[in-house]
Amino acid sequence: QVQLVESGGGLVQPGGSLRLSCVASGIAFGWYSMSWYRQAPGKQRELVASISASGSTNYADSVKGRFTISRDNAENTGYLQMNSLKPEDTAAYSCNMLVHWGQGTQVTVSS
């Protein structure tokens, strides 16, 4: 059974940073791409960033230069480092591999 478990969300002031983690089990983590998505209330879910098995990365225009996606295949863990956070980054963030999703972690950016 595949499980993806996110952590690291919370409340942060504008301009602050957070690092999200996604720990995978039951899947050959190093073989597959991993992505982070987010969904704000009343909005559609959007792709934030993705990283291929080989380490190639892709970012939404809205987070380029502020967010960094990475992975540690030895630890079956993916990360999303979020810097210079803005109120519009407030959303539930979820990780995805193939058809599998985590439960999400809430990020709230507010003063």
C-alpha atoms as a PDB file:
ATOM      1  CA  GLN A   1       0.000   0.000   0.000  1.00  0.00           C
ATOM      2  CA  VAL A   2       1.428   3.322  -1.084  1.00  0.00           C
ATOM      3  CA  GLN A   3       1.455   6.118   1.469  1.00  0.00           C
ATOM      4  CA  LEU A   4       2.569   9.711   1.063  1.00  0.00           C
ATOM      5  CA  VAL A   5       2.756  11.740   4.260  1.00  0.00           C
ATOM      6  CA  GLU A   6       3.350  15.475   4.181  1.00  0.00           C
ATOM      7  CA  SER A   7       4.553  17.656   7.007  1.00  0.00           C
ATOM      8  CA  GLY A   8       6.024  21.086   7.596  1.00  0.00           C
ATOM      9  CA  GLY A   9       3.075  23.362   6.991  1.00  0.00           C
ATOM     10  CA  GLY A  10       2.028  26.111   9.335  1.00  0.00           C
ATOM     11  CA  LEU A  11       1.431  29.803   9.813  1.00  0.00           C
ATOM     12  CA  VAL A  12       4.163  32.145   8.619  1.00  0.00           C
ATOM     13  CA  GLN A  13       4.437  35.883   8.064  1.00  0.00           C
ATOM     14  CA  PRO A  14       4.847  37.314   4.580  1.00  0.00           C
ATOM     15  CA  GLY A  15       8.462  37.059   3.535  1.00  0.00           C
ATOM     16  CA  GLY A  16       9.030  34.021   5.698  1.00  0.00           C
ATOM     17  CA  SER A  17      10.053  30.485   4.804  1.00  0.00           C
ATOM     18  CA  LEU A  18       8.808  26.954   5.286  1.00  0.00           C
ATOM     19  CA  ARG A  19      10.070  23.573   4.191  1.00  0.00           C
ATOM     20  CA  LEU A  20       7.536  20.893   3.372  1.00  0.00           C
ATOM     21  CA  SER A  21       8.423  17.209   3.439  1.00  0.00           C
ATOM     22  CA  CYS A  22       6.731  14.244   1.797  1.00  0.00           C
ATOM     23  CA  VAL A  23       7.724  10.796   3.029  1.00  0.00           C
ATOM     24  CA  ALA A  24       6.783   7.928   0.738  1.00  0.00           C
ATOM     25  CA  SER A  25       6.330   4.253   1.553  1.00  0.00           C
ATOM     26  CA  GLY A  26       5.201   1.251  -0.452  1.00  0.00           C
ATOM     27  CA  ILE A  27       6.609   2.626  -3.708  1.00  0.00           C
ATOM     28  CA  ALA A  28       9.964   2.515  -5.476  1.00  0.00           C
ATOM     29  CA  PHE A  29      10.485   6.196  -4.725  1.00  0.00           C
ATOM     30  CA  GLY A  30      13.591   6.717  -6.805  1.00  0.00           C
ATOM     31  CA  TRP A  31      11.954   5.448  -9.977  1.00  0.00           C
ATOM     32  CA  TYR A  32       9.221   8.060 -10.310  1.00  0.00           C
ATOM     33  CA  SER A  33       8.620  11.761 -10.592  1.00  0.00           C
ATOM     34  CA  MET A  34       7.203  13.565  -7.612  1.00  0.00           C
ATOM     35  CA  SER A  35       5.115  16.711  -7.634  1.00  0.00           C
ATOM     36  CA  TRP A  36       3.745  19.246  -5.223  1.00  0.00           C
ATOM     37  CA  TYR A  37       0.283  20.691  -5.792  1.00  0.00           C
ATOM     38  CA  ARG A  38      -1.689  23.266  -3.883  1.00  0.00           C
ATOM     39  CA  GLN A  39      -5.309  24.212  -3.592  1.00  0.00           C
ATOM     40  CA  ALA A  40      -6.639  27.395  -2.071  1.00  0.00           C
ATOM     41  CA  PRO A  41     -10.263  27.732  -0.940  1.00  0.00           C
ATOM     42  CA  GLY A  42     -12.548  28.307  -3.914  1.00  0.00           C
ATOM     43  CA  LYS A  43      -9.767  27.695  -6.436  1.00  0.00           C
ATOM     44  CA  GLN A  44      -8.688  24.802  -8.596  1.00  0.00           C
ATOM     45  CA  ARG A  45      -5.763  22.653  -7.584  1.00  0.00           C
ATOM     46  CA  GLU A  46      -2.595  23.779  -9.309  1.00  0.00           C
ATOM     47  CA  LEU A  47       0.793  22.243  -9.927  1.00  0.00           C
ATOM     48  CA  VAL A  48       3.476  24.039  -7.936  1.00  0.00           C
ATOM     49  CA  ALA A  49       6.613  22.080  -8.795  1.00  0.00           C
ATOM     50  CA  SER A  50       7.747  18.694  -9.992  1.00  0.00           C
ATOM     51  CA  ILE A  51      10.976  16.738  -9.993  1.00  0.00           C
ATOM     52  CA  SER A  52      11.758  13.804 -12.210  1.00  0.00           C
ATOM     53  CA  ALA A  53      13.483  10.600 -11.178  1.00  0.00           C
ATOM     54  CA  SER A  54      16.694  12.003 -12.650  1.00  0.00           C
ATOM     55  CA  GLY A  55      16.315  15.286 -10.788  1.00  0.00           C
ATOM     56  CA  SER A  56      15.015  17.597 -13.498  1.00  0.00           C
ATOM     57  CA  THR A  57      12.738  20.223 -12.047  1.00  0.00           C
ATOM     58  CA  ASN A  58       9.798  22.289 -13.224  1.00  0.00           C
ATOM     59  CA  TYR A  59       8.033  25.171 -11.497  1.00  0.00           C
ATOM     60  CA  ALA A  60       4.870  27.189 -11.819  1.00  0.00           C
ATOM     61  CA  ASP A  61       5.655  30.726 -12.922  1.00  0.00           C
ATOM     62  CA  SER A  62       4.169  32.069  -9.700  1.00  0.00           C
ATOM     63  CA  VAL A  63       6.813  30.338  -7.551  1.00  0.00           C
ATOM     64  CA  LYS A  64       9.911  30.436  -9.751  1.00  0.00           C
ATOM     65  CA  GLY A  65      12.865  31.869  -7.903  1.00  0.00           C
ATOM     66  CA  ARG A  66      11.167  31.458  -4.519  1.00  0.00           C
ATOM     67  CA  PHE A  67      10.455  27.716  -4.189  1.00  0.00           C
ATOM     68  CA  THR A  68      12.867  24.812  -4.607  1.00  0.00           C
ATOM     69  CA  ILE A  69      11.836  21.191  -5.018  1.00  0.00           C
ATOM     70  CA  SER A  70      14.285  18.429  -4.139  1.00  0.00           C
ATOM     71  CA  ARG A  71      14.370  14.769  -3.265  1.00  0.00           C
ATOM     72  CA  ASP A  72      16.405  12.345  -1.192  1.00  0.00           C
ATOM     73  CA  ASN A  73      15.941   8.928  -2.717  1.00  0.00           C
ATOM     74  CA  ALA A  74      17.840   7.221   0.095  1.00  0.00           C
ATOM     75  CA  GLU A  75      15.279   8.584   2.553  1.00  0.00           C
ATOM     76  CA  ASN A  76      12.232   8.180   0.267  1.00  0.00           C
ATOM     77  CA  THR A  77      11.506  11.836   0.892  1.00  0.00           C
ATOM     78  CA  GLY A  78      10.707  14.833  -1.240  1.00  0.00           C
ATOM     79  CA  TYR A  79      10.959  18.433  -0.158  1.00  0.00           C
ATOM     80  CA  LEU A  80       9.581  21.812  -1.086  1.00  0.00           C
ATOM     81  CA  GLN A  81      11.595  24.736   0.250  1.00  0.00           C
ATOM     82  CA  MET A  82       9.430  27.846   0.159  1.00  0.00           C
ATOM     83  CA  ASN A  83      11.054  31.245   0.611  1.00  0.00           C
ATOM     84  CA  SER A  84       9.739  34.802   0.341  1.00  0.00           C
ATOM     85  CA  LEU A  85       6.250  33.547   1.020  1.00  0.00           C
ATOM     86  CA  LYS A  86       3.300  35.694   0.028  1.00  0.00           C
ATOM     87  CA  PRO A  87      -0.313  35.689   1.231  1.00  0.00           C
ATOM     88  CA  GLU A  88      -1.325  34.275  -2.147  1.00  0.00           C
ATOM     89  CA  ASP A  89       0.734  31.168  -1.377  1.00  0.00           C
ATOM     90  CA  THR A  90      -1.821  30.254   1.288  1.00  0.00           C
ATOM     91  CA  ALA A  91      -3.236  26.841   0.384  1.00  0.00           C
ATOM     92  CA  ALA A  92      -3.311  23.169   1.234  1.00  0.00           C
ATOM     93  CA  TYR A  93      -0.181  21.606  -0.249  1.00  0.00           C
ATOM     94  CA  SER A  94      -0.144  17.958  -1.315  1.00  0.00           C
ATOM     95  CA  CYS A  95       2.482  15.700  -2.810  1.00  0.00           C
ATOM     96  CA  ASN A  96       1.762  13.338  -5.655  1.00  0.00           C
ATOM     97  CA  MET A  97       3.460  10.332  -7.201  1.00  0.00           C
ATOM     98  CA  LEU A  98       1.706   8.511 -10.052  1.00  0.00           C
ATOM     99  CA  VAL A  99      -1.923   8.216  -8.894  1.00  0.00           C
ATOM    100  CA  HIS A 100      -1.081   8.525  -5.212  1.00  0.00           C
ATOM    101  CA  TRP A 101      -1.703  11.585  -3.055  1.00  0.00           C
ATOM    102  CA  GLY A 102      -0.847  12.607   0.450  1.00  0.00           C
ATOM    103  CA  GLN A 103      -3.376  14.025   2.870  1.00  0.00           C
ATOM    104  CA  GLY A 104      -2.034  17.553   2.510  1.00  0.00           C
ATOM    105  CA  THR A 105      -0.501  20.109   4.817  1.00  0.00           C
ATOM    106  CA  GLN A 106      -1.857  23.611   5.309  1.00  0.00           C
ATOM    107  CA  VAL A 107       0.299  26.640   4.627  1.00  0.00           C
ATOM    108  CA  THR A 108      -1.034  29.998   5.770  1.00  0.00           C
ATOM    109  CA  VAL A 109       0.846  33.205   5.022  1.00  0.00           C
ATOM    110  CA  SER A 110      -0.482  36.079   7.048  1.00  0.00           C
ATOM    111  CA  SER A 111       0.653  38.907   9.264  1.00  0.00           C
END
